[in-house]
N, C-alpha and C. Protein backbone atom coordinates (compact mmCIF):
# COMPACT_ATOMS: atom_id res chain seq x y z
N UNK A 1 -43.84 57.34 127.57
CA UNK A 1 -44.18 58.63 126.89
C UNK A 1 -44.86 58.36 125.66
N UNK A 2 -45.90 58.95 125.46
CA UNK A 2 -46.76 58.80 124.21
C UNK A 2 -46.49 59.89 123.22
N UNK A 3 -46.16 59.63 122.21
CA UNK A 3 -45.83 60.53 121.01
C UNK A 3 -47.14 60.72 120.10
N UNK A 4 -47.56 61.90 119.97
CA UNK A 4 -48.72 62.22 119.07
C UNK A 4 -48.21 63.01 117.93
N UNK A 5 -48.80 62.60 116.79
CA UNK A 5 -48.39 63.31 115.46
C UNK A 5 -49.67 63.59 114.66
N UNK A 6 -49.58 64.82 114.24
CA UNK A 6 -50.78 65.10 113.25
C UNK A 6 -50.49 64.80 111.87
N UNK A 7 -51.25 64.03 111.19
CA UNK A 7 -51.25 63.70 109.80
C UNK A 7 -52.38 64.08 108.92
N UNK A 8 -52.19 64.34 107.83
CA UNK A 8 -53.37 64.58 106.91
C UNK A 8 -54.15 63.12 106.75
N UNK A 9 -55.50 63.35 106.24
CA UNK A 9 -56.23 62.06 105.99
C UNK A 9 -55.36 61.05 105.16
N UNK A 10 -54.66 61.52 104.04
CA UNK A 10 -54.13 60.52 103.16
C UNK A 10 -52.97 59.98 103.85
N UNK A 11 -52.06 60.77 104.69
CA UNK A 11 -51.01 60.21 105.42
C UNK A 11 -51.43 59.24 106.36
N UNK A 12 -52.54 59.44 107.07
CA UNK A 12 -53.06 58.55 108.11
C UNK A 12 -53.50 57.24 107.36
N UNK A 13 -54.16 57.37 106.08
CA UNK A 13 -54.61 56.20 105.58
C UNK A 13 -53.37 55.29 105.16
N UNK A 14 -52.39 55.92 104.76
CA UNK A 14 -51.12 55.14 104.33
C UNK A 14 -50.54 54.60 105.64
N UNK A 15 -50.52 55.28 106.67
CA UNK A 15 -49.93 54.85 107.92
C UNK A 15 -50.72 53.56 108.37
N UNK A 16 -52.04 53.59 108.37
CA UNK A 16 -52.86 52.38 108.86
C UNK A 16 -53.09 51.33 107.80
N UNK A 17 -52.73 51.65 106.60
CA UNK A 17 -52.89 50.75 105.41
C UNK A 17 -54.41 50.63 105.15
N UNK A 18 -55.18 51.65 105.08
CA UNK A 18 -56.47 51.63 104.92
C UNK A 18 -56.85 52.80 103.96
N UNK A 19 -58.24 52.87 103.47
CA UNK A 19 -58.44 53.89 102.60
C UNK A 19 -58.79 55.14 103.32
N UNK A 20 -58.86 56.31 102.58
CA UNK A 20 -59.23 57.57 103.25
C UNK A 20 -60.63 57.55 103.81
N UNK A 21 -61.57 56.77 103.13
CA UNK A 21 -62.92 56.74 103.64
C UNK A 21 -63.00 56.08 105.04
N UNK A 22 -62.08 55.00 105.14
CA UNK A 22 -62.00 54.38 106.44
C UNK A 22 -61.48 55.34 107.46
N UNK A 23 -60.55 56.21 107.24
CA UNK A 23 -60.10 57.15 108.14
C UNK A 23 -61.23 58.07 108.54
N UNK A 24 -61.98 58.56 107.60
CA UNK A 24 -63.16 59.46 107.87
C UNK A 24 -64.26 58.69 108.77
N UNK A 25 -64.42 57.42 108.52
CA UNK A 25 -65.37 56.61 109.35
C UNK A 25 -64.90 56.57 110.81
N UNK A 26 -63.55 56.36 110.96
CA UNK A 26 -63.03 56.34 112.30
C UNK A 26 -63.10 57.49 113.03
N UNK A 27 -62.98 58.62 112.32
CA UNK A 27 -63.12 60.04 112.97
C UNK A 27 -64.48 60.22 113.44
N UNK A 28 -65.48 59.93 112.48
CA UNK A 28 -66.95 59.88 112.82
C UNK A 28 -67.26 59.00 114.10
N UNK A 29 -66.68 57.78 114.16
CA UNK A 29 -66.97 56.88 115.21
C UNK A 29 -66.22 57.38 116.58
N UNK A 30 -65.19 58.21 116.41
CA UNK A 30 -64.53 58.69 117.54
C UNK A 30 -63.27 57.82 117.96
N UNK A 31 -62.98 56.84 116.98
CA UNK A 31 -61.80 55.94 117.41
C UNK A 31 -60.42 56.79 117.00
N UNK A 32 -60.69 57.81 116.18
CA UNK A 32 -59.54 58.77 115.79
C UNK A 32 -59.98 60.20 116.09
N UNK A 33 -58.96 60.96 116.59
CA UNK A 33 -59.24 62.49 116.83
C UNK A 33 -58.72 63.24 115.56
N UNK A 34 -59.41 64.43 115.42
CA UNK A 34 -58.84 65.23 114.34
C UNK A 34 -58.93 66.67 114.81
N UNK A 35 -58.16 67.45 114.14
CA UNK A 35 -58.20 69.01 114.32
C UNK A 35 -58.06 69.56 113.02
N UNK A 36 -58.39 70.83 113.03
CA UNK A 36 -58.32 71.71 111.83
C UNK A 36 -57.05 72.71 111.92
N UNK A 37 -56.14 72.42 111.01
CA UNK A 37 -55.05 73.37 111.01
C UNK A 37 -55.03 74.01 109.60
N UNK A 38 -55.05 75.35 109.70
CA UNK A 38 -54.89 76.25 108.46
C UNK A 38 -56.04 75.74 107.56
N UNK A 39 -57.17 75.40 107.93
CA UNK A 39 -58.27 75.14 107.12
C UNK A 39 -58.25 73.54 106.56
N UNK A 40 -57.25 72.85 107.17
CA UNK A 40 -57.16 71.47 106.64
C UNK A 40 -57.26 70.44 107.86
N UNK A 41 -58.14 69.43 107.46
CA UNK A 41 -58.43 68.49 108.58
C UNK A 41 -57.09 67.53 108.86
N UNK A 42 -56.68 67.55 110.07
CA UNK A 42 -55.59 66.74 110.43
C UNK A 42 -55.99 65.65 111.45
N UNK A 43 -55.30 64.56 111.34
CA UNK A 43 -55.78 63.42 112.04
C UNK A 43 -54.68 63.18 113.24
N UNK A 44 -55.07 63.07 114.48
CA UNK A 44 -54.20 63.08 115.54
C UNK A 44 -53.92 61.55 115.69
N UNK A 45 -52.67 61.16 115.43
CA UNK A 45 -52.20 59.82 115.47
C UNK A 45 -51.32 59.54 116.73
N UNK A 46 -51.60 58.57 117.44
CA UNK A 46 -50.77 58.13 118.60
C UNK A 46 -49.76 57.12 118.07
N UNK A 47 -48.37 57.41 118.22
CA UNK A 47 -47.42 56.53 117.71
C UNK A 47 -47.50 55.13 118.19
N UNK A 48 -48.18 55.02 119.47
CA UNK A 48 -48.39 53.74 119.85
C UNK A 48 -49.35 52.77 119.08
N UNK A 49 -50.07 53.55 118.19
CA UNK A 49 -51.05 52.92 117.37
C UNK A 49 -50.31 52.20 116.30
N UNK A 50 -50.21 50.94 116.21
CA UNK A 50 -49.45 50.29 115.08
C UNK A 50 -50.06 50.29 113.73
N UNK A 51 -49.28 50.33 112.87
CA UNK A 51 -49.71 50.19 111.44
C UNK A 51 -50.31 48.86 111.05
N UNK A 52 -51.46 49.03 110.50
CA UNK A 52 -52.14 47.64 110.18
C UNK A 52 -51.29 47.00 108.96
N UNK A 53 -51.19 45.77 109.23
CA UNK A 53 -50.62 44.91 108.20
C UNK A 53 -51.50 44.42 107.09
N UNK A 54 -51.31 44.51 105.90
CA UNK A 54 -52.22 44.09 104.99
C UNK A 54 -52.50 42.51 105.01
N UNK A 55 -53.76 42.24 104.82
CA UNK A 55 -54.02 40.74 104.94
C UNK A 55 -53.35 39.90 103.73
N UNK A 56 -52.78 38.87 104.02
CA UNK A 56 -52.11 38.01 103.13
C UNK A 56 -53.10 36.94 102.54
N UNK A 57 -53.19 36.79 101.39
CA UNK A 57 -54.03 35.80 100.78
C UNK A 57 -53.29 34.36 100.77
N UNK A 58 -54.05 33.54 101.16
CA UNK A 58 -53.40 32.10 101.17
C UNK A 58 -53.26 31.62 99.80
N UNK A 59 -52.09 31.06 99.53
CA UNK A 59 -51.76 30.55 98.07
C UNK A 59 -52.71 29.38 97.95
N UNK A 60 -53.36 29.41 96.74
CA UNK A 60 -54.24 28.32 96.29
C UNK A 60 -53.40 27.35 95.52
N UNK A 61 -53.20 26.22 95.91
CA UNK A 61 -52.45 25.20 95.06
C UNK A 61 -53.13 24.79 93.85
N UNK A 62 -52.30 24.87 92.70
CA UNK A 62 -52.75 24.47 91.37
C UNK A 62 -53.15 23.03 91.36
N UNK A 63 -54.27 22.85 90.67
CA UNK A 63 -54.61 21.47 90.48
C UNK A 63 -54.06 20.99 89.31
N UNK A 64 -53.62 19.87 89.23
CA UNK A 64 -52.95 19.20 88.10
C UNK A 64 -54.11 18.57 87.25
N UNK A 65 -53.97 19.01 85.88
CA UNK A 65 -54.99 18.45 85.06
C UNK A 65 -54.55 17.23 84.51
N UNK A 66 -55.17 16.21 84.65
CA UNK A 66 -54.74 14.82 84.24
C UNK A 66 -54.56 14.90 82.74
N UNK A 67 -53.48 14.36 82.25
CA UNK A 67 -53.17 14.38 80.82
C UNK A 67 -53.70 13.02 80.30
N UNK A 68 -54.36 13.20 78.98
CA UNK A 68 -54.92 11.95 78.43
C UNK A 68 -54.05 11.60 77.08
N UNK A 69 -52.90 12.32 76.97
CA UNK A 69 -52.03 11.98 75.78
C UNK A 69 -52.30 12.82 74.53
N UNK A 70 -53.46 13.46 74.52
CA UNK A 70 -53.74 14.26 73.29
C UNK A 70 -52.86 15.34 73.02
N UNK A 71 -52.47 16.06 74.10
CA UNK A 71 -51.58 17.28 73.96
C UNK A 71 -50.18 16.71 73.58
N UNK A 72 -49.79 15.62 74.03
CA UNK A 72 -48.45 15.07 73.56
C UNK A 72 -48.45 14.73 72.12
N UNK A 73 -49.61 14.17 71.71
CA UNK A 73 -49.74 13.77 70.38
C UNK A 73 -49.76 14.88 69.47
N UNK A 74 -50.44 16.09 69.83
CA UNK A 74 -50.51 17.26 69.08
C UNK A 74 -49.19 17.93 68.96
N UNK A 75 -48.39 17.82 69.99
CA UNK A 75 -47.02 18.32 69.87
C UNK A 75 -46.17 17.53 68.98
N UNK A 76 -46.30 16.27 68.88
CA UNK A 76 -45.53 15.38 68.06
C UNK A 76 -45.88 15.73 66.54
N UNK A 77 -47.21 15.89 66.29
CA UNK A 77 -47.65 16.17 64.98
C UNK A 77 -46.98 17.62 64.46
N UNK A 78 -47.04 18.60 65.40
CA UNK A 78 -46.53 19.92 65.08
C UNK A 78 -45.00 19.77 64.79
N UNK A 79 -44.34 18.95 65.66
CA UNK A 79 -42.97 18.81 65.50
C UNK A 79 -42.57 18.25 64.15
N UNK A 80 -43.35 17.20 63.69
CA UNK A 80 -43.22 16.50 62.48
C UNK A 80 -43.42 17.52 61.31
N UNK A 81 -44.51 18.29 61.34
CA UNK A 81 -44.65 19.26 60.33
C UNK A 81 -43.67 20.33 60.21
N UNK A 82 -43.07 20.77 61.32
CA UNK A 82 -41.97 21.61 61.33
C UNK A 82 -40.64 21.07 60.65
N UNK A 83 -40.51 19.84 61.06
CA UNK A 83 -39.30 19.14 60.52
C UNK A 83 -39.50 19.06 58.99
N UNK A 84 -40.69 18.51 58.46
CA UNK A 84 -40.88 18.54 57.07
C UNK A 84 -40.64 19.90 56.48
N UNK A 85 -41.14 20.98 57.01
CA UNK A 85 -40.94 22.24 56.49
C UNK A 85 -39.50 22.66 56.38
N UNK A 86 -38.77 22.27 57.47
CA UNK A 86 -37.30 22.57 57.36
C UNK A 86 -36.63 21.82 56.24
N UNK A 87 -36.98 20.65 56.09
CA UNK A 87 -36.27 19.75 54.99
C UNK A 87 -36.66 20.49 53.63
N UNK A 88 -37.96 20.96 53.44
CA UNK A 88 -38.32 21.50 52.25
C UNK A 88 -37.53 22.75 51.95
N UNK A 89 -37.42 23.62 52.96
CA UNK A 89 -36.62 24.83 52.82
C UNK A 89 -35.14 24.56 52.53
N UNK A 90 -34.50 23.57 53.17
CA UNK A 90 -33.24 23.16 52.96
C UNK A 90 -33.00 22.77 51.49
N UNK A 91 -33.92 22.05 50.95
CA UNK A 91 -34.08 21.64 49.51
C UNK A 91 -34.02 22.77 48.63
N UNK A 92 -35.03 23.72 48.87
CA UNK A 92 -35.11 24.86 48.07
C UNK A 92 -33.76 25.73 48.11
N UNK A 93 -33.21 25.81 49.31
CA UNK A 93 -31.94 26.57 49.44
C UNK A 93 -30.77 26.02 48.50
N UNK A 94 -30.77 24.66 48.56
CA UNK A 94 -29.82 23.93 47.73
C UNK A 94 -30.04 24.25 46.24
N UNK A 95 -31.34 24.23 45.78
CA UNK A 95 -31.66 24.42 44.45
C UNK A 95 -31.25 25.85 44.07
N UNK A 96 -31.53 26.85 44.90
CA UNK A 96 -31.22 28.23 44.49
C UNK A 96 -29.74 28.31 44.55
N UNK A 97 -29.00 27.71 45.27
CA UNK A 97 -27.57 27.73 45.22
C UNK A 97 -26.99 27.32 44.08
N UNK A 98 -27.51 26.03 43.66
CA UNK A 98 -27.05 25.43 42.50
C UNK A 98 -27.38 26.31 41.17
N UNK A 99 -28.59 27.01 41.14
CA UNK A 99 -28.98 27.84 40.01
C UNK A 99 -27.94 29.06 40.06
N UNK A 100 -27.62 29.58 41.14
CA UNK A 100 -26.84 30.67 41.23
C UNK A 100 -25.39 30.35 40.70
N UNK A 101 -24.86 29.25 41.09
CA UNK A 101 -23.47 28.79 40.54
C UNK A 101 -23.71 28.57 39.09
N UNK A 102 -24.79 28.02 38.53
CA UNK A 102 -24.89 27.83 37.08
C UNK A 102 -24.90 29.16 36.34
N UNK A 103 -25.63 30.02 37.01
CA UNK A 103 -25.65 31.41 36.28
C UNK A 103 -24.23 32.09 36.35
N UNK A 104 -23.54 31.93 37.36
CA UNK A 104 -22.12 32.44 37.37
C UNK A 104 -21.19 31.86 36.46
N UNK A 105 -21.43 30.53 36.23
CA UNK A 105 -20.55 29.84 35.18
C UNK A 105 -20.97 30.23 33.82
N UNK A 106 -22.23 30.36 33.57
CA UNK A 106 -22.71 30.88 32.24
C UNK A 106 -22.17 32.33 31.95
N UNK A 107 -22.26 33.14 32.99
CA UNK A 107 -21.87 34.62 32.92
C UNK A 107 -20.24 34.64 32.62
N UNK A 108 -19.55 33.66 33.33
CA UNK A 108 -18.07 33.64 33.00
C UNK A 108 -17.67 33.22 31.65
N UNK A 109 -18.52 32.19 31.14
CA UNK A 109 -18.26 31.83 29.83
C UNK A 109 -18.57 32.88 28.74
N UNK A 110 -19.64 33.61 29.04
CA UNK A 110 -20.07 34.60 28.19
C UNK A 110 -18.98 35.81 28.09
N UNK A 111 -18.43 36.11 29.33
CA UNK A 111 -17.29 37.11 29.36
C UNK A 111 -16.05 36.72 28.50
N UNK A 112 -15.91 35.35 28.77
CA UNK A 112 -14.70 34.76 28.10
C UNK A 112 -14.88 34.79 26.68
N UNK A 113 -16.02 34.34 26.22
CA UNK A 113 -16.34 34.45 24.77
C UNK A 113 -16.21 35.80 24.11
N UNK A 114 -16.69 36.82 24.88
CA UNK A 114 -16.66 38.30 24.32
C UNK A 114 -15.21 38.70 24.17
N UNK A 115 -14.43 38.28 25.31
CA UNK A 115 -12.92 38.72 25.24
C UNK A 115 -12.34 37.97 24.04
N UNK A 116 -12.63 36.77 23.83
CA UNK A 116 -12.04 36.02 22.76
C UNK A 116 -12.33 36.67 21.48
N UNK A 117 -13.67 37.05 21.18
CA UNK A 117 -14.01 37.76 20.00
C UNK A 117 -13.25 39.10 19.81
N UNK A 118 -13.17 39.78 20.93
CA UNK A 118 -12.42 41.02 20.88
C UNK A 118 -10.98 40.81 20.48
N UNK A 119 -10.39 39.72 21.04
CA UNK A 119 -8.94 39.45 20.75
C UNK A 119 -8.86 39.05 19.32
N UNK A 120 -9.80 38.32 18.81
CA UNK A 120 -9.69 38.03 17.36
C UNK A 120 -9.65 39.31 16.38
N UNK A 121 -10.70 40.10 16.92
CA UNK A 121 -10.78 41.37 16.10
C UNK A 121 -9.64 42.31 16.21
N UNK A 122 -8.99 42.28 17.41
CA UNK A 122 -7.72 43.03 17.56
C UNK A 122 -6.61 42.53 16.71
N UNK A 123 -6.53 41.17 16.73
CA UNK A 123 -5.51 40.55 15.78
C UNK A 123 -5.74 40.79 14.30
N UNK A 124 -7.01 40.84 13.92
CA UNK A 124 -7.42 41.20 12.55
C UNK A 124 -6.95 42.63 12.22
N UNK A 125 -7.31 43.45 13.14
CA UNK A 125 -7.13 45.01 12.99
C UNK A 125 -5.51 45.14 12.84
N UNK A 126 -4.76 44.57 13.76
CA UNK A 126 -3.28 44.74 13.72
C UNK A 126 -2.76 44.18 12.43
N UNK A 127 -3.28 43.11 11.95
CA UNK A 127 -2.96 42.55 10.73
C UNK A 127 -3.14 43.43 9.58
N UNK A 128 -4.32 44.07 9.50
CA UNK A 128 -4.77 45.04 8.54
C UNK A 128 -3.82 46.25 8.66
N UNK A 129 -3.63 46.71 9.84
CA UNK A 129 -2.80 47.95 9.88
C UNK A 129 -1.38 47.69 9.45
N UNK A 130 -0.76 46.48 9.70
CA UNK A 130 0.59 46.11 9.34
C UNK A 130 0.58 45.97 7.84
N UNK A 131 -0.44 45.46 7.28
CA UNK A 131 -0.57 45.42 5.72
C UNK A 131 -0.49 46.78 5.14
N UNK A 132 -1.31 47.66 5.74
CA UNK A 132 -1.37 49.02 5.25
C UNK A 132 -0.14 49.77 5.25
N UNK A 133 0.82 49.58 6.54
CA UNK A 133 1.99 50.09 6.61
C UNK A 133 2.96 49.66 5.54
N UNK A 134 2.92 48.29 5.18
CA UNK A 134 3.71 47.70 4.21
C UNK A 134 3.37 48.42 2.83
N UNK A 135 2.06 48.66 2.59
CA UNK A 135 1.70 49.42 1.47
C UNK A 135 2.19 50.71 1.36
N UNK A 136 2.23 51.51 2.53
CA UNK A 136 2.64 52.93 2.50
C UNK A 136 4.30 53.00 2.61
N UNK A 137 4.96 51.90 2.78
CA UNK A 137 6.48 51.91 2.98
C UNK A 137 7.11 52.55 1.54
N UNK A 138 8.05 53.39 1.64
CA UNK A 138 8.65 53.94 0.43
C UNK A 138 9.65 52.74 -0.21
N UNK A 139 9.67 52.75 -1.44
CA UNK A 139 10.48 51.78 -2.18
C UNK A 139 11.38 52.59 -3.10
N UNK A 140 12.60 52.01 -3.21
CA UNK A 140 13.64 52.57 -4.11
C UNK A 140 13.43 52.31 -5.40
N UNK A 141 12.86 51.25 -5.83
CA UNK A 141 12.79 50.89 -7.15
C UNK A 141 11.41 51.59 -7.70
N UNK A 142 11.55 52.31 -8.80
CA UNK A 142 10.44 53.17 -9.28
C UNK A 142 9.34 52.33 -9.81
N UNK A 143 9.75 51.18 -10.42
CA UNK A 143 8.55 50.17 -10.88
C UNK A 143 7.65 49.76 -9.73
N UNK A 144 8.49 49.45 -8.59
CA UNK A 144 7.73 49.03 -7.36
C UNK A 144 6.82 50.26 -6.79
N UNK A 145 7.37 51.35 -6.96
CA UNK A 145 6.46 52.52 -6.41
C UNK A 145 5.16 52.65 -7.40
N UNK A 146 5.43 52.54 -8.63
CA UNK A 146 4.19 52.61 -9.65
C UNK A 146 3.19 51.67 -9.31
N UNK A 147 3.81 50.44 -9.02
CA UNK A 147 2.80 49.26 -8.62
C UNK A 147 2.13 49.57 -7.34
N UNK A 148 2.84 50.18 -6.39
CA UNK A 148 2.18 50.53 -5.12
C UNK A 148 1.15 51.55 -5.31
N UNK A 149 1.39 52.54 -6.19
CA UNK A 149 0.47 53.64 -6.41
C UNK A 149 -0.84 52.98 -7.00
N UNK A 150 -0.62 52.07 -7.89
CA UNK A 150 -1.79 51.39 -8.62
C UNK A 150 -2.55 50.64 -7.57
N UNK A 151 -1.93 49.94 -6.69
CA UNK A 151 -2.59 49.29 -5.57
C UNK A 151 -3.41 50.24 -4.61
N UNK A 152 -2.84 51.37 -4.28
CA UNK A 152 -3.44 52.40 -3.46
C UNK A 152 -4.68 52.97 -4.18
N UNK A 153 -4.56 53.17 -5.61
CA UNK A 153 -5.71 53.63 -6.38
C UNK A 153 -6.79 52.63 -6.37
N UNK A 154 -6.36 51.48 -6.36
CA UNK A 154 -7.48 50.30 -6.41
C UNK A 154 -7.93 50.03 -4.92
N UNK A 155 -7.73 50.95 -3.99
CA UNK A 155 -8.08 50.57 -2.54
C UNK A 155 -9.42 50.24 -2.31
N UNK A 156 -10.41 50.99 -2.97
CA UNK A 156 -11.88 50.71 -2.73
C UNK A 156 -12.10 49.10 -2.89
N UNK A 157 -11.56 48.55 -4.07
CA UNK A 157 -11.77 47.15 -4.26
C UNK A 157 -11.11 46.33 -3.08
N UNK A 158 -9.99 46.79 -2.58
CA UNK A 158 -9.35 45.97 -1.55
C UNK A 158 -10.24 46.07 -0.25
N UNK A 159 -10.85 47.24 -0.01
CA UNK A 159 -11.61 47.51 1.20
C UNK A 159 -12.91 46.51 1.07
N UNK A 160 -13.42 46.44 -0.15
CA UNK A 160 -14.58 45.52 -0.12
C UNK A 160 -14.27 44.16 0.32
N UNK A 161 -13.09 43.58 0.11
CA UNK A 161 -12.70 42.26 0.40
C UNK A 161 -12.06 42.13 1.81
N UNK A 162 -11.57 43.27 2.35
CA UNK A 162 -10.97 43.20 3.62
C UNK A 162 -11.94 42.83 4.71
N UNK A 163 -11.50 42.30 5.84
CA UNK A 163 -12.37 41.92 6.82
C UNK A 163 -12.42 43.21 7.89
N UNK A 164 -11.24 43.73 8.10
CA UNK A 164 -11.31 44.77 9.21
C UNK A 164 -10.71 46.09 8.59
N UNK A 165 -11.39 47.11 8.62
CA UNK A 165 -10.99 48.47 8.06
C UNK A 165 -11.23 49.52 9.03
N UNK A 166 -10.67 50.64 8.86
CA UNK A 166 -11.01 51.74 9.78
C UNK A 166 -12.20 52.45 9.21
N UNK A 167 -12.87 53.21 10.24
CA UNK A 167 -14.15 53.85 9.99
C UNK A 167 -13.99 54.94 8.83
N UNK A 168 -12.78 55.56 8.92
CA UNK A 168 -12.55 56.63 7.89
C UNK A 168 -12.49 55.96 6.49
N UNK A 169 -11.93 54.89 6.28
CA UNK A 169 -11.80 54.24 4.92
C UNK A 169 -13.18 53.69 4.49
N UNK A 170 -13.87 53.17 5.54
CA UNK A 170 -15.18 52.51 5.31
C UNK A 170 -16.17 53.69 4.68
N UNK A 171 -16.12 54.93 5.34
CA UNK A 171 -17.06 55.96 4.91
C UNK A 171 -16.49 56.54 3.61
N UNK A 172 -15.16 56.64 3.31
CA UNK A 172 -14.71 57.08 2.15
C UNK A 172 -15.17 56.14 0.93
N UNK A 173 -15.22 54.74 1.28
CA UNK A 173 -15.59 53.98 0.27
C UNK A 173 -17.07 54.08 -0.14
N UNK A 174 -17.87 54.52 0.88
CA UNK A 174 -19.29 54.67 0.69
C UNK A 174 -19.65 55.98 -0.24
N UNK A 175 -18.58 56.89 -0.29
CA UNK A 175 -18.68 58.07 -1.14
C UNK A 175 -19.84 58.83 -0.60
N UNK A 176 -19.95 59.17 0.56
CA UNK A 176 -21.01 60.00 1.21
C UNK A 176 -20.66 61.54 0.99
N UNK A 177 -21.65 62.29 1.16
CA UNK A 177 -21.43 63.81 1.06
C UNK A 177 -20.85 64.24 2.45
N UNK A 178 -20.07 65.31 2.52
CA UNK A 178 -19.43 65.67 3.78
C UNK A 178 -20.46 65.84 4.88
N UNK A 179 -21.61 66.37 4.62
CA UNK A 179 -22.66 66.55 5.77
C UNK A 179 -23.13 65.13 6.20
N UNK A 180 -23.47 64.30 5.19
CA UNK A 180 -23.83 63.00 5.58
C UNK A 180 -22.82 62.09 6.35
N UNK A 181 -21.59 62.24 5.92
CA UNK A 181 -20.52 61.54 6.51
C UNK A 181 -20.35 61.91 7.98
N UNK A 182 -20.46 63.25 8.25
CA UNK A 182 -20.24 63.70 9.61
C UNK A 182 -21.42 63.19 10.53
N UNK A 183 -22.69 63.06 10.03
CA UNK A 183 -23.68 62.49 10.79
C UNK A 183 -23.49 60.95 11.05
N UNK A 184 -22.96 60.29 10.01
CA UNK A 184 -22.70 58.97 10.22
C UNK A 184 -21.58 58.71 11.19
N UNK A 185 -20.52 59.48 11.26
CA UNK A 185 -19.42 59.35 12.15
C UNK A 185 -19.94 59.54 13.57
N UNK A 186 -21.00 60.54 13.81
CA UNK A 186 -21.46 60.59 15.07
C UNK A 186 -22.27 59.43 15.61
N UNK A 187 -22.99 58.72 14.63
CA UNK A 187 -23.71 57.58 14.93
C UNK A 187 -22.71 56.38 15.41
N UNK A 188 -21.75 56.16 14.60
CA UNK A 188 -20.73 55.27 14.91
C UNK A 188 -20.00 55.54 16.29
N UNK A 189 -19.69 56.82 16.64
CA UNK A 189 -19.03 57.02 17.79
C UNK A 189 -19.89 56.81 19.08
N UNK A 190 -21.25 57.23 18.81
CA UNK A 190 -22.14 56.91 19.87
C UNK A 190 -22.48 55.39 20.06
N UNK A 191 -22.49 54.65 18.98
CA UNK A 191 -22.51 53.15 19.22
C UNK A 191 -21.33 52.57 19.86
N UNK A 192 -20.02 53.04 19.60
CA UNK A 192 -19.00 52.61 20.29
C UNK A 192 -18.98 52.94 21.71
N UNK A 193 -19.51 54.20 22.07
CA UNK A 193 -19.52 54.62 23.34
C UNK A 193 -20.48 53.72 24.21
N UNK A 194 -21.60 53.17 23.46
CA UNK A 194 -22.62 52.34 24.11
C UNK A 194 -22.29 50.89 24.08
N UNK A 195 -20.82 50.70 23.79
CA UNK A 195 -20.24 49.23 23.95
C UNK A 195 -20.77 48.27 22.81
N UNK A 196 -20.87 48.97 21.43
CA UNK A 196 -21.44 48.14 20.44
C UNK A 196 -20.25 47.12 19.96
N UNK A 197 -20.56 45.91 20.07
CA UNK A 197 -19.51 44.79 19.87
C UNK A 197 -18.99 44.90 18.41
N UNK A 198 -19.79 45.62 17.54
CA UNK A 198 -19.28 45.50 16.14
C UNK A 198 -18.13 46.62 15.92
N UNK A 199 -17.91 47.51 16.90
CA UNK A 199 -16.91 48.49 16.67
C UNK A 199 -15.78 48.29 17.71
N UNK A 200 -14.60 48.33 17.23
CA UNK A 200 -13.46 48.22 17.99
C UNK A 200 -12.55 49.57 18.00
N UNK A 201 -12.09 50.09 19.17
CA UNK A 201 -11.41 51.30 19.30
C UNK A 201 -10.01 51.00 19.67
N UNK A 202 -9.14 51.49 18.89
CA UNK A 202 -7.62 51.38 19.22
C UNK A 202 -7.13 52.83 19.07
N UNK A 203 -6.75 53.32 20.26
CA UNK A 203 -6.12 54.76 20.32
C UNK A 203 -7.34 55.54 20.19
N UNK A 204 -7.31 56.43 19.13
CA UNK A 204 -8.39 57.26 18.83
C UNK A 204 -9.11 56.84 17.56
N UNK A 205 -8.82 55.82 16.95
CA UNK A 205 -9.32 55.27 15.78
C UNK A 205 -10.46 54.22 15.92
N UNK A 206 -11.46 54.18 15.03
CA UNK A 206 -12.56 53.10 15.05
C UNK A 206 -12.36 52.17 13.96
N UNK A 207 -12.50 50.92 14.25
CA UNK A 207 -12.30 49.83 13.31
C UNK A 207 -13.54 48.99 13.09
N UNK A 208 -13.81 48.46 11.91
CA UNK A 208 -15.10 47.77 11.63
C UNK A 208 -14.62 46.45 11.02
N UNK A 209 -15.44 45.45 11.31
CA UNK A 209 -15.30 44.14 10.66
C UNK A 209 -16.45 43.90 9.73
N UNK A 210 -16.31 44.40 8.41
CA UNK A 210 -17.46 44.29 7.57
C UNK A 210 -17.70 42.95 7.07
N UNK A 211 -16.78 41.97 7.15
CA UNK A 211 -17.14 40.64 6.81
C UNK A 211 -18.01 39.87 7.81
N UNK A 212 -18.02 40.41 9.02
CA UNK A 212 -18.59 39.68 10.12
C UNK A 212 -19.95 40.38 10.65
N UNK A 213 -20.01 41.73 10.35
CA UNK A 213 -21.02 42.54 10.87
C UNK A 213 -21.68 43.33 9.91
N UNK A 214 -23.01 43.74 10.02
CA UNK A 214 -23.73 44.62 9.16
C UNK A 214 -23.83 45.87 9.83
N UNK A 215 -23.46 47.11 9.17
CA UNK A 215 -23.49 48.30 9.74
C UNK A 215 -24.60 49.26 9.11
N UNK A 216 -25.42 48.72 8.27
CA UNK A 216 -26.45 49.53 7.53
C UNK A 216 -27.28 50.31 8.50
N UNK A 217 -27.55 49.84 9.79
CA UNK A 217 -28.45 50.59 10.60
C UNK A 217 -27.77 51.91 11.16
N UNK A 218 -26.42 52.05 11.01
CA UNK A 218 -25.76 53.24 11.41
C UNK A 218 -25.52 54.18 10.20
N UNK A 219 -25.98 53.93 9.01
CA UNK A 219 -25.76 54.66 7.92
C UNK A 219 -26.84 55.76 7.65
């Protein structure tokens, strides 16, 4: 029994493995029959007609290009250059690592030095505060009280020789007007907020080391 199937030109081309133009040529030659269905040309295909197999191209063996050693020499040269570059980069990496370690050591020493200076300032301030408390302590002997009052009255002279004093006493010794004193206080407080090493804060009080630092830029 022969089975017949109607296919479009495109389907017939795919079935036989050829182009649409080849199908039209076959129809013109009469090797294929066609009919019109609903205004579309259909190809009458006999199922016994085998689908054409695409031609296979014979594999062309690659020709081996004879080597004259130049390519191997080129690769060796490139390998040597890459190895030299790697050694250079490793050396630069070691140098950068050593520099980084040195910077860290210097930074640590700087921090230790700052804390040491702050510690010395703190000791000086505590010593000054302790001395002031001793001056302000009540005495039972009247003669001692008189002597203490005389020392307190002479405080400006003591301040000039003292290393660490409070900001309040420092400004009092300068004998500034109230308006000027208020402006100077704001400058000192701003400098302390900006971590000025010349100013030490204990609690809510500010202390200055007038023997070590110059504060004229804040007046």
